[in-house]
Amino acid sequence: MQPEERQKRIEQYLQQFEFASLEELAEQVGVSISTVRRDLAVLEAAGTVRRTHGGARLLNPRSDEFVFNARDTHQLREKEAIGRYCSEMVREGETVILDAGTTVYHVAKHLEPKRLQIITNSLPVANLFGAAMRIETIVTGGILYPRLGVLLGPLAVEAMSHMHADLAFMGAGGITAEGLFNSHALLIELQRAMMRAARRVVFCLDHTKLGRRTVVRLCSLAEAPVVVTDAGADPAAVEPFRKAGLEVHLAPM
C-alpha cells in the first residue's frame, strides 16, 4: 500500500471514531507502528490530525453527533438489564466511578434516586446527573473528544490518581482467557487509573463481548474478578471464566 493510500485510510478511520491508538491504526492499515507515526506526521503537517500520547485525533470531524449515541443503540435491552442489576450493588452514600462506556451509562440511569458521589470522565453521565439533587458529580477533566463524549489524556489520569472510590463500573471491548481488552490506548490508561482508585471493580459486558478480543489488553482476568453480563449469554461462553475464578453475574432481562 502506497503512503498516500495509507494516510487516506487513516483519515477515514479517524473520521469514523475521532481518535485511535497507534496500535489500532497499525492494525487497520497493516504496517508497523513506526510507519504509522510517519504517516501521522504527514497528516499533522497537512492540518488533518493531531498526534497525541499513544495515538492521534481528528482535528475537524465531519459531524458533531456523538458516536456514543450510535453505539448505545446496540444490544439496548441487554445493556438496560445490566444497568438495573449493577445499580442494586450500590449502597447509599458510596462513591462510585463510572467510565464512558455505553453499558455503564445504563448503570448511571438507575442510580439517580440514591444519595451518591459520582466520579466520571463521561459527558453523557455528567449531563445525566446535572440536575440530580442527591448526587454530587466529579468530572475528571482532560482532553475532550466531543463525538465520543469522553475526557481522556494525562490530565484525566492525574485527576483519577487522587481519587478513592468504593466501586468502579467499567466497560471493555471484549474478554477472553487472556484478559480484558479495549480499542484505544488512551482509554486503557485512564481505565487502569480507575481500577487503582476503586476498592471494587465491576466490568459491565453484554454477552457479545464474551470471547471477543480487541486491540489493546487492559488487564488479566485476575485483575477483573467481577463481571456482569446479561442472561442471554451462552452458558458455554460463561463457564470458562467462572472456572478461571471470575465472579460472573447474569442480569435477568
C-alpha atoms as a PDB file:
ATOM      1  CA  MET A   1       0.000   0.000   0.000  1.00  0.00           C
ATOM      2  CA  GLN A   2       1.341   3.407  -1.008  1.00  0.00           C
ATOM      3  CA  PRO A   3       1.795   6.106   1.690  1.00  0.00           C
ATOM      4  CA  GLU A   4      -0.966   8.275   0.195  1.00  0.00           C
ATOM      5  CA  GLU A   5      -3.454   5.389   0.346  1.00  0.00           C
ATOM      6  CA  ARG A   6      -2.448   4.542   3.925  1.00  0.00           C
ATOM      7  CA  GLN A   7      -2.863   8.131   5.004  1.00  0.00           C
ATOM      8  CA  LYS A   8      -6.290   8.319   3.367  1.00  0.00           C
ATOM      9  CA  ARG A   9      -7.371   5.161   5.185  1.00  0.00           C
ATOM     10  CA  ILE A  10      -6.077   6.511   8.483  1.00  0.00           C
ATOM     11  CA  GLU A  11      -8.007   9.724   7.957  1.00  0.00           C
ATOM     12  CA  GLN A  12     -11.176   7.794   7.058  1.00  0.00           C
ATOM     13  CA  TYR A  13     -10.840   5.681  10.189  1.00  0.00           C
ATOM     14  CA  LEU A  14     -10.435   8.771  12.352  1.00  0.00           C
ATOM     15  CA  GLN A  15     -13.475  10.340  10.668  1.00  0.00           C
ATOM     16  CA  GLN A  16     -15.438   7.394  11.988  1.00  0.00           C
ATOM     17  CA  PHE A  17     -14.011   7.170  15.516  1.00  0.00           C
ATOM     18  CA  GLU A  18     -12.371  10.596  16.066  1.00  0.00           C
ATOM     19  CA  PHE A  19      -9.301   9.145  17.812  1.00  0.00           C
ATOM     20  CA  ALA A  20      -7.298   5.923  17.780  1.00  0.00           C
ATOM     21  CA  SER A  21      -4.200   4.386  19.280  1.00  0.00           C
ATOM     22  CA  LEU A  22      -1.044   3.758  17.251  1.00  0.00           C
ATOM     23  CA  GLU A  23      -1.606   0.003  17.627  1.00  0.00           C
ATOM     24  CA  GLU A  24      -5.140   0.272  16.304  1.00  0.00           C
ATOM     25  CA  LEU A  25      -4.101   2.323  13.279  1.00  0.00           C
ATOM     26  CA  ALA A  26      -1.197  -0.011  12.522  1.00  0.00           C
ATOM     27  CA  GLU A  27      -3.602  -2.940  12.515  1.00  0.00           C
ATOM     28  CA  GLN A  28      -6.064  -1.087  10.272  1.00  0.00           C
ATOM     29  CA  VAL A  29      -3.504  -0.343   7.546  1.00  0.00           C
ATOM     30  CA  GLY A  30      -1.267  -3.382   8.031  1.00  0.00           C
ATOM     31  CA  VAL A  31       2.047  -1.671   8.768  1.00  0.00           C
ATOM     32  CA  SER A  32       4.389  -1.125  11.720  1.00  0.00           C
ATOM     33  CA  ILE A  33       3.804   1.467  14.419  1.00  0.00           C
ATOM     34  CA  SER A  34       6.865   3.407  13.238  1.00  0.00           C
ATOM     35  CA  THR A  35       5.342   3.667   9.737  1.00  0.00           C
ATOM     36  CA  VAL A  36       2.062   4.885  11.220  1.00  0.00           C
ATOM     37  CA  ARG A  37       3.986   7.537  13.151  1.00  0.00           C
ATOM     38  CA  ARG A  38       5.483   8.806   9.877  1.00  0.00           C
ATOM     39  CA  ASP A  39       2.051   8.867   8.222  1.00  0.00           C
ATOM     40  CA  LEU A  40       0.601  10.779  11.163  1.00  0.00           C
ATOM     41  CA  ALA A  41       3.422  13.329  10.933  1.00  0.00           C
ATOM     42  CA  VAL A  42       2.423  13.957   7.302  1.00  0.00           C
ATOM     43  CA  LEU A  43      -1.265  14.282   8.196  1.00  0.00           C
ATOM     44  CA  GLU A  44      -0.476  16.584  11.116  1.00  0.00           C
ATOM     45  CA  ALA A  45       1.618  18.831   8.845  1.00  0.00           C
ATOM     46  CA  ALA A  46      -1.384  18.981   6.498  1.00  0.00           C
ATOM     47  CA  GLY A  47      -3.616  20.107   9.392  1.00  0.00           C
ATOM     48  CA  THR A  48      -5.796  16.988   9.282  1.00  0.00           C
ATOM     49  CA  VAL A  49      -4.916  15.289  12.564  1.00  0.00           C
ATOM     50  CA  ARG A  50      -3.141  15.998  15.812  1.00  0.00           C
ATOM     51  CA  ARG A  51      -0.804  13.440  17.302  1.00  0.00           C
ATOM     52  CA  THR A  52      -1.494  12.616  20.956  1.00  0.00           C
ATOM     53  CA  HIS A  53       0.126  10.468  23.609  1.00  0.00           C
ATOM     54  CA  GLY A  54      -0.119   6.966  22.130  1.00  0.00           C
ATOM     55  CA  GLY A  55      -2.224   7.821  19.108  1.00  0.00           C
ATOM     56  CA  ALA A  56      -3.915  10.554  17.109  1.00  0.00           C
ATOM     57  CA  ARG A  57      -7.162  12.518  16.967  1.00  0.00           C
ATOM     58  CA  LEU A  58      -9.035  14.104  14.085  1.00  0.00           C
ATOM     59  CA  LEU A  59      -8.977  17.899  14.136  1.00  0.00           C
ATOM     60  CA  ASN A  60     -12.203  18.567  12.235  1.00  0.00           C
ATOM     61  CA  PRO A  61     -14.773  15.760  12.477  1.00  0.00           C
ATOM     62  CA  ARG A  62     -17.412  15.880   9.743  1.00  0.00           C
ATOM     63  CA  SER A  63     -20.250  15.535  12.213  1.00  0.00           C
ATOM     64  CA  ASP A  64     -20.712  16.763  15.755  1.00  0.00           C
ATOM     65  CA  GLU A  65     -23.108  13.918  16.541  1.00  0.00           C
ATOM     66  CA  PHE A  66     -21.820  11.689  19.335  1.00  0.00           C
ATOM     67  CA  VAL A  67     -20.570   8.325  18.145  1.00  0.00           C
ATOM     68  CA  PHE A  68     -21.671   7.416  21.694  1.00  0.00           C
ATOM     69  CA  ASN A  69     -25.325   7.761  20.630  1.00  0.00           C
ATOM     70  CA  ALA A  70     -24.895   5.355  17.718  1.00  0.00           C
ATOM     71  CA  ARG A  71     -23.050   2.818  19.867  1.00  0.00           C
ATOM     72  CA  ASP A  72     -25.746   2.975  22.523  1.00  0.00           C
ATOM     73  CA  THR A  73     -28.352   1.565  20.131  1.00  0.00           C
ATOM     74  CA  HIS A  74     -26.615  -1.835  20.041  1.00  0.00           C
ATOM     75  CA  GLN A  75     -27.780  -4.564  22.493  1.00  0.00           C
ATOM     76  CA  LEU A  76     -30.017  -1.966  24.150  1.00  0.00           C
ATOM     77  CA  ARG A  77     -32.181  -4.481  26.036  1.00  0.00           C
ATOM     78  CA  GLU A  78     -29.106  -6.268  27.375  1.00  0.00           C
ATOM     79  CA  LYS A  79     -27.436  -3.024  28.467  1.00  0.00           C
ATOM     80  CA  GLU A  80     -30.572  -1.912  30.277  1.00  0.00           C
ATOM     81  CA  ALA A  81     -30.752  -5.239  32.142  1.00  0.00           C
ATOM     82  CA  ILE A  82     -27.102  -4.941  33.179  1.00  0.00           C
ATOM     83  CA  GLY A  83     -27.673  -1.340  34.265  1.00  0.00           C
ATOM     84  CA  ARG A  84     -30.581  -2.282  36.538  1.00  0.00           C
ATOM     85  CA  TYR A  85     -28.676  -5.199  38.044  1.00  0.00           C
ATOM     86  CA  CYS A  86     -25.488  -3.226  38.720  1.00  0.00           C
ATOM     87  CA  SER A  87     -27.366  -0.340  40.319  1.00  0.00           C
ATOM     88  CA  GLU A  88     -28.530  -2.739  43.038  1.00  0.00           C
ATOM     89  CA  MET A  89     -24.885  -3.281  44.043  1.00  0.00           C
ATOM     90  CA  VAL A  90     -24.579   0.371  45.066  1.00  0.00           C
ATOM     91  CA  ARG A  91     -25.435   1.490  48.598  1.00  0.00           C
ATOM     92  CA  GLU A  92     -26.490   4.942  49.758  1.00  0.00           C
ATOM     93  CA  GLY A  93     -23.597   7.288  50.471  1.00  0.00           C
ATOM     94  CA  GLU A  94     -20.996   5.444  48.403  1.00  0.00           C
ATOM     95  CA  THR A  95     -18.502   6.954  45.981  1.00  0.00           C
ATOM     96  CA  VAL A  96     -18.789   5.387  42.530  1.00  0.00           C
ATOM     97  CA  ILE A  97     -16.574   5.674  39.445  1.00  0.00           C
ATOM     98  CA  LEU A  98     -18.387   5.417  36.113  1.00  0.00           C
ATOM     99  CA  ASP A  99     -16.369   5.219  32.912  1.00  0.00           C
ATOM    100  CA  ALA A 100     -17.522   6.360  29.463  1.00  0.00           C
ATOM    101  CA  GLY A 101     -18.830   3.020  28.174  1.00  0.00           C
ATOM    102  CA  THR A 102     -22.370   2.857  26.821  1.00  0.00           C
ATOM    103  CA  THR A 103     -23.324  -0.057  29.086  1.00  0.00           C
ATOM    104  CA  VAL A 104     -22.053   1.874  32.101  1.00  0.00           C
ATOM    105  CA  TYR A 105     -24.307   4.765  31.048  1.00  0.00           C
ATOM    106  CA  HIS A 106     -27.251   2.436  31.674  1.00  0.00           C
ATOM    107  CA  VAL A 107     -25.927   1.799  35.185  1.00  0.00           C
ATOM    108  CA  ALA A 108     -25.902   5.574  35.712  1.00  0.00           C
ATOM    109  CA  LYS A 109     -29.542   5.866  34.618  1.00  0.00           C
ATOM    110  CA  HIS A 110     -30.618   3.706  37.569  1.00  0.00           C
ATOM    111  CA  LEU A 111     -28.538   5.476  40.225  1.00  0.00           C
ATOM    112  CA  GLU A 112     -30.296   8.839  40.258  1.00  0.00           C
ATOM    113  CA  PRO A 113     -32.645   8.076  43.217  1.00  0.00           C
ATOM    114  CA  LYS A 114     -29.679   7.338  45.518  1.00  0.00           C
ATOM    115  CA  ARG A 115     -27.503   9.723  47.527  1.00  0.00           C
ATOM    116  CA  LEU A 116     -24.071   9.220  45.982  1.00  0.00           C
ATOM    117  CA  GLN A 117     -20.820  10.788  44.925  1.00  0.00           C
ATOM    118  CA  ILE A 118     -20.083  10.028  41.256  1.00  0.00           C
ATOM    119  CA  ILE A 119     -16.668  10.324  39.575  1.00  0.00           C
ATOM    120  CA  THR A 120     -16.721  10.168  35.781  1.00  0.00           C
ATOM    121  CA  ASN A 121     -14.937  11.083  32.554  1.00  0.00           C
ATOM    122  CA  SER A 122     -18.174  10.772  30.583  1.00  0.00           C
ATOM    123  CA  LEU A 123     -20.024  13.883  29.428  1.00  0.00           C
ATOM    124  CA  PRO A 124     -23.296  11.954  28.921  1.00  0.00           C
ATOM    125  CA  VAL A 125     -23.077  10.683  32.521  1.00  0.00           C
ATOM    126  CA  ALA A 126     -22.200  14.143  33.879  1.00  0.00           C
ATOM    127  CA  ASN A 127     -25.099  15.651  31.932  1.00  0.00           C
ATOM    128  CA  LEU A 128     -27.466  12.963  33.234  1.00  0.00           C
ATOM    129  CA  PHE A 129     -26.725  13.976  36.824  1.00  0.00           C
ATOM    130  CA  GLY A 130     -26.646  17.726  36.116  1.00  0.00           C
ATOM    131  CA  ALA A 131     -29.958  18.332  37.905  1.00  0.00           C
ATOM    132  CA  ALA A 132     -29.790  15.435  40.385  1.00  0.00           C
ATOM    133  CA  MET A 133     -30.066  16.985  43.853  1.00  0.00           C
ATOM    134  CA  ARG A 134     -28.907  13.877  45.755  1.00  0.00           C
ATOM    135  CA  ILE A 135     -25.820  13.205  43.643  1.00  0.00           C
ATOM    136  CA  GLU A 136     -22.510  15.054  43.737  1.00  0.00           C
ATOM    137  CA  THR A 137     -20.717  14.674  40.406  1.00  0.00           C
ATOM    138  CA  ILE A 138     -16.952  14.998  39.976  1.00  0.00           C
ATOM    139  CA  VAL A 139     -15.723  15.251  36.365  1.00  0.00           C
ATOM    140  CA  THR A 140     -12.097  14.291  35.761  1.00  0.00           C
ATOM    141  CA  GLY A 141     -11.133  16.973  33.263  1.00  0.00           C
ATOM    142  CA  GLY A 142      -8.737  16.186  30.430  1.00  0.00           C
ATOM    143  CA  ILE A 143      -8.849  16.383  26.632  1.00  0.00           C
ATOM    144  CA  LEU A 144     -12.391  16.409  25.249  1.00  0.00           C
ATOM    145  CA  TYR A 145     -13.248  14.024  22.419  1.00  0.00           C
ATOM    146  CA  PRO A 146     -16.644  15.506  21.535  1.00  0.00           C
ATOM    147  CA  ARG A 147     -18.161  12.815  19.321  1.00  0.00           C
ATOM    148  CA  LEU A 148     -17.447  10.184  21.951  1.00  0.00           C
ATOM    149  CA  GLY A 149     -18.455  12.413  24.854  1.00  0.00           C
ATOM    150  CA  VAL A 150     -15.337  11.460  26.773  1.00  0.00           C
ATOM    151  CA  LEU A 151     -12.469  13.174  28.616  1.00  0.00           C
ATOM    152  CA  LEU A 152      -9.072  11.490  28.315  1.00  0.00           C
ATOM    153  CA  GLY A 153      -5.341  12.112  28.441  1.00  0.00           C
ATOM    154  CA  PRO A 154      -2.703  12.889  31.093  1.00  0.00           C
ATOM    155  CA  LEU A 155      -4.853  15.441  32.960  1.00  0.00           C
ATOM    156  CA  ALA A 156      -7.672  12.911  33.363  1.00  0.00           C
ATOM    157  CA  VAL A 157      -5.236  10.237  34.553  1.00  0.00           C
ATOM    158  CA  GLU A 158      -3.634  12.662  37.011  1.00  0.00           C
ATOM    159  CA  ALA A 159      -7.037  13.644  38.419  1.00  0.00           C
ATOM    160  CA  MET A 160      -8.038   9.995  38.832  1.00  0.00           C
ATOM    161  CA  SER A 161      -4.796   9.209  40.666  1.00  0.00           C
ATOM    162  CA  HIS A 162      -6.032  11.404  43.548  1.00  0.00           C
ATOM    163  CA  MET A 163      -9.477   9.757  43.761  1.00  0.00           C
ATOM    164  CA  HIS A 164     -10.709   6.989  46.045  1.00  0.00           C
ATOM    165  CA  ALA A 165     -13.975   5.148  45.449  1.00  0.00           C
ATOM    166  CA  ASP A 166     -15.987   2.265  46.845  1.00  0.00           C
ATOM    167  CA  LEU A 167     -16.960   0.927  43.426  1.00  0.00           C
ATOM    168  CA  ALA A 168     -15.997   1.357  39.781  1.00  0.00           C
ATOM    169  CA  PHE A 169     -18.266   0.281  36.935  1.00  0.00           C
ATOM    170  CA  MET A 170     -16.365  -0.092  33.695  1.00  0.00           C
ATOM    171  CA  GLY A 171     -16.842  -1.352  30.167  1.00  0.00           C
ATOM    172  CA  ALA A 172     -14.487  -3.137  27.777  1.00  0.00           C
ATOM    173  CA  GLY A 173     -14.325  -4.149  24.152  1.00  0.00           C
ATOM    174  CA  GLY A 174     -14.065  -7.830  24.960  1.00  0.00           C
ATOM    175  CA  ILE A 175     -12.936 -10.575  27.313  1.00  0.00           C
ATOM    176  CA  THR A 176     -11.028 -13.802  26.615  1.00  0.00           C
ATOM    177  CA  ALA A 177      -8.845 -16.190  28.613  1.00  0.00           C
ATOM    178  CA  GLU A 178      -6.032 -13.667  28.068  1.00  0.00           C
ATOM    179  CA  GLY A 179      -7.913 -10.939  29.945  1.00  0.00           C
ATOM    180  CA  LEU A 180      -9.970  -7.848  29.121  1.00  0.00           C
ATOM    181  CA  PHE A 181      -9.399  -5.690  26.060  1.00  0.00           C
ATOM    182  CA  ASN A 182     -10.343  -2.285  24.718  1.00  0.00           C
ATOM    183  CA  SER A 183      -9.838  -0.467  21.435  1.00  0.00           C
ATOM    184  CA  HIS A 184      -7.928   2.666  22.375  1.00  0.00           C
ATOM    185  CA  ALA A 185      -4.662   3.161  24.255  1.00  0.00           C
ATOM    186  CA  LEU A 186      -5.933   6.418  25.766  1.00  0.00           C
ATOM    187  CA  LEU A 187      -8.982   4.641  27.191  1.00  0.00           C
ATOM    188  CA  ILE A 188      -6.785   1.915  28.650  1.00  0.00           C
ATOM    189  CA  GLU A 189      -4.535   4.353  30.511  1.00  0.00           C
ATOM    190  CA  LEU A 190      -7.452   6.042  32.254  1.00  0.00           C
ATOM    191  CA  GLN A 191      -9.276   2.784  32.952  1.00  0.00           C
ATOM    192  CA  ARG A 192      -6.201   1.427  34.722  1.00  0.00           C
ATOM    193  CA  ALA A 193      -6.140   4.556  36.881  1.00  0.00           C
ATOM    194  CA  MET A 194      -9.829   3.981  37.674  1.00  0.00           C
ATOM    195  CA  MET A 195      -9.089   0.409  38.717  1.00  0.00           C
ATOM    196  CA  ARG A 196      -6.357   1.594  41.076  1.00  0.00           C
ATOM    197  CA  ALA A 197      -8.720   4.174  42.592  1.00  0.00           C
ATOM    198  CA  ALA A 198     -11.588   1.794  43.413  1.00  0.00           C
ATOM    199  CA  ARG A 199     -11.928  -0.704  46.234  1.00  0.00           C
ATOM    200  CA  ARG A 200     -14.056  -2.960  44.000  1.00  0.00           C
ATOM    201  CA  VAL A 201     -14.225  -3.022  40.193  1.00  0.00           C
ATOM    202  CA  VAL A 202     -17.178  -4.407  38.227  1.00  0.00           C
ATOM    203  CA  PHE A 203     -16.961  -4.879  34.465  1.00  0.00           C
ATOM    204  CA  CYS A 204     -20.249  -4.447  32.599  1.00  0.00           C
ATOM    205  CA  LEU A 205     -20.169  -6.522  29.396  1.00  0.00           C
ATOM    206  CA  ASP A 206     -23.123  -7.627  27.298  1.00  0.00           C
ATOM    207  CA  HIS A 207     -22.926 -11.198  26.018  1.00  0.00           C
ATOM    208  CA  THR A 208     -21.494 -10.203  22.605  1.00  0.00           C
ATOM    209  CA  LYS A 209     -18.235  -9.217  24.368  1.00  0.00           C
ATOM    210  CA  LEU A 210     -17.593 -12.715  25.750  1.00  0.00           C
ATOM    211  CA  GLY A 211     -14.776 -14.405  23.847  1.00  0.00           C
ATOM    212  CA  ARG A 212     -14.035 -11.229  21.881  1.00  0.00           C
ATOM    213  CA  ARG A 213     -10.523  -9.790  21.668  1.00  0.00           C
ATOM    214  CA  THR A 214      -9.887  -6.190  20.589  1.00  0.00           C
ATOM    215  CA  VAL A 215      -6.676  -4.253  20.025  1.00  0.00           C
ATOM    216  CA  VAL A 216      -5.223  -3.365  23.435  1.00  0.00           C
ATOM    217  CA  ARG A 217      -5.117  -5.540  26.564  1.00  0.00           C
ATOM    218  CA  LEU A 218      -6.454  -3.762  29.631  1.00  0.00           C
ATOM    219  CA  CYS A 219      -5.765  -6.337  32.351  1.00  0.00           C
ATOM    220  CA  SER A 220      -5.633 -10.005  33.234  1.00  0.00           C
ATOM    221  CA  LEU A 221      -8.650 -11.954  34.443  1.00  0.00           C
ATOM    222  CA  ALA A 222      -7.158 -11.958  37.943  1.00  0.00           C
ATOM    223  CA  GLU A 223      -7.337  -8.144  37.951  1.00  0.00           C
ATOM    224  CA  ALA A 224     -11.014  -8.164  36.934  1.00  0.00           C
ATOM    225  CA  PRO A 225     -12.694 -10.588  39.328  1.00  0.00           C
ATOM    226  CA  VAL A 226     -16.295  -9.354  38.876  1.00  0.00           C
ATOM    227  CA  VAL A 227     -18.162  -9.339  35.557  1.00  0.00           C
ATOM    228  CA  VAL A 228     -21.840  -8.623  34.986  1.00  0.00           C
ATOM    229  CA  THR A 229     -23.290  -9.786  31.688  1.00  0.00           C
ATOM    230  CA  ASP A 230     -26.846 -10.410  30.539  1.00  0.00           C
ATOM    231  CA  ALA A 231     -28.894 -13.581  30.839  1.00  0.00           C
ATOM    232  CA  GLY A 232     -28.694 -14.029  27.068  1.00  0.00           C
ATOM    233  CA  ALA A 233     -25.105 -15.220  27.442  1.00  0.00           C
ATOM    234  CA  ASP A 234     -24.391 -18.770  26.269  1.00  0.00           C
ATOM    235  CA  PRO A 235     -23.565 -20.901  29.358  1.00  0.00           C
ATOM    236  CA  ALA A 236     -20.684 -22.427  27.393  1.00  0.00           C
ATOM    237  CA  ALA A 237     -19.217 -18.935  26.935  1.00  0.00           C
ATOM    238  CA  VAL A 238     -19.594 -18.093  30.627  1.00  0.00           C
ATOM    239  CA  GLU A 239     -18.260 -21.316  32.179  1.00  0.00           C
ATOM    240  CA  PRO A 240     -14.561 -20.871  31.259  1.00  0.00           C
ATOM    241  CA  PHE A 241     -14.493 -17.518  33.043  1.00  0.00           C
ATOM    242  CA  ARG A 242     -16.083 -18.986  36.158  1.00  0.00           C
ATOM    243  CA  LYS A 243     -13.551 -21.825  36.096  1.00  0.00           C
ATOM    244  CA  ALA A 244     -10.809 -19.180  35.892  1.00  0.00           C
ATOM    245  CA  GLY A 245     -12.087 -17.743  39.188  1.00  0.00           C
ATOM    246  CA  LEU A 246     -14.215 -14.836  37.977  1.00  0.00           C
ATOM    247  CA  GLU A 247     -17.411 -13.913  39.759  1.00  0.00           C
ATOM    248  CA  VAL A 248     -19.809 -13.760  36.801  1.00  0.00           C
ATOM    249  CA  HIS A 249     -23.327 -12.377  37.324  1.00  0.00           C
ATOM    250  CA  LEU A 250     -26.137 -12.821  34.794  1.00  0.00           C
ATOM    251  CA  ALA A 251     -28.539  -9.881  34.759  1.00  0.00           C
ATOM    252  CA  PRO A 252     -32.130 -11.048  34.152  1.00  0.00           C
ATOM    253  CA  MET A 253     -33.872  -9.441  31.172  1.00  0.00           C
END
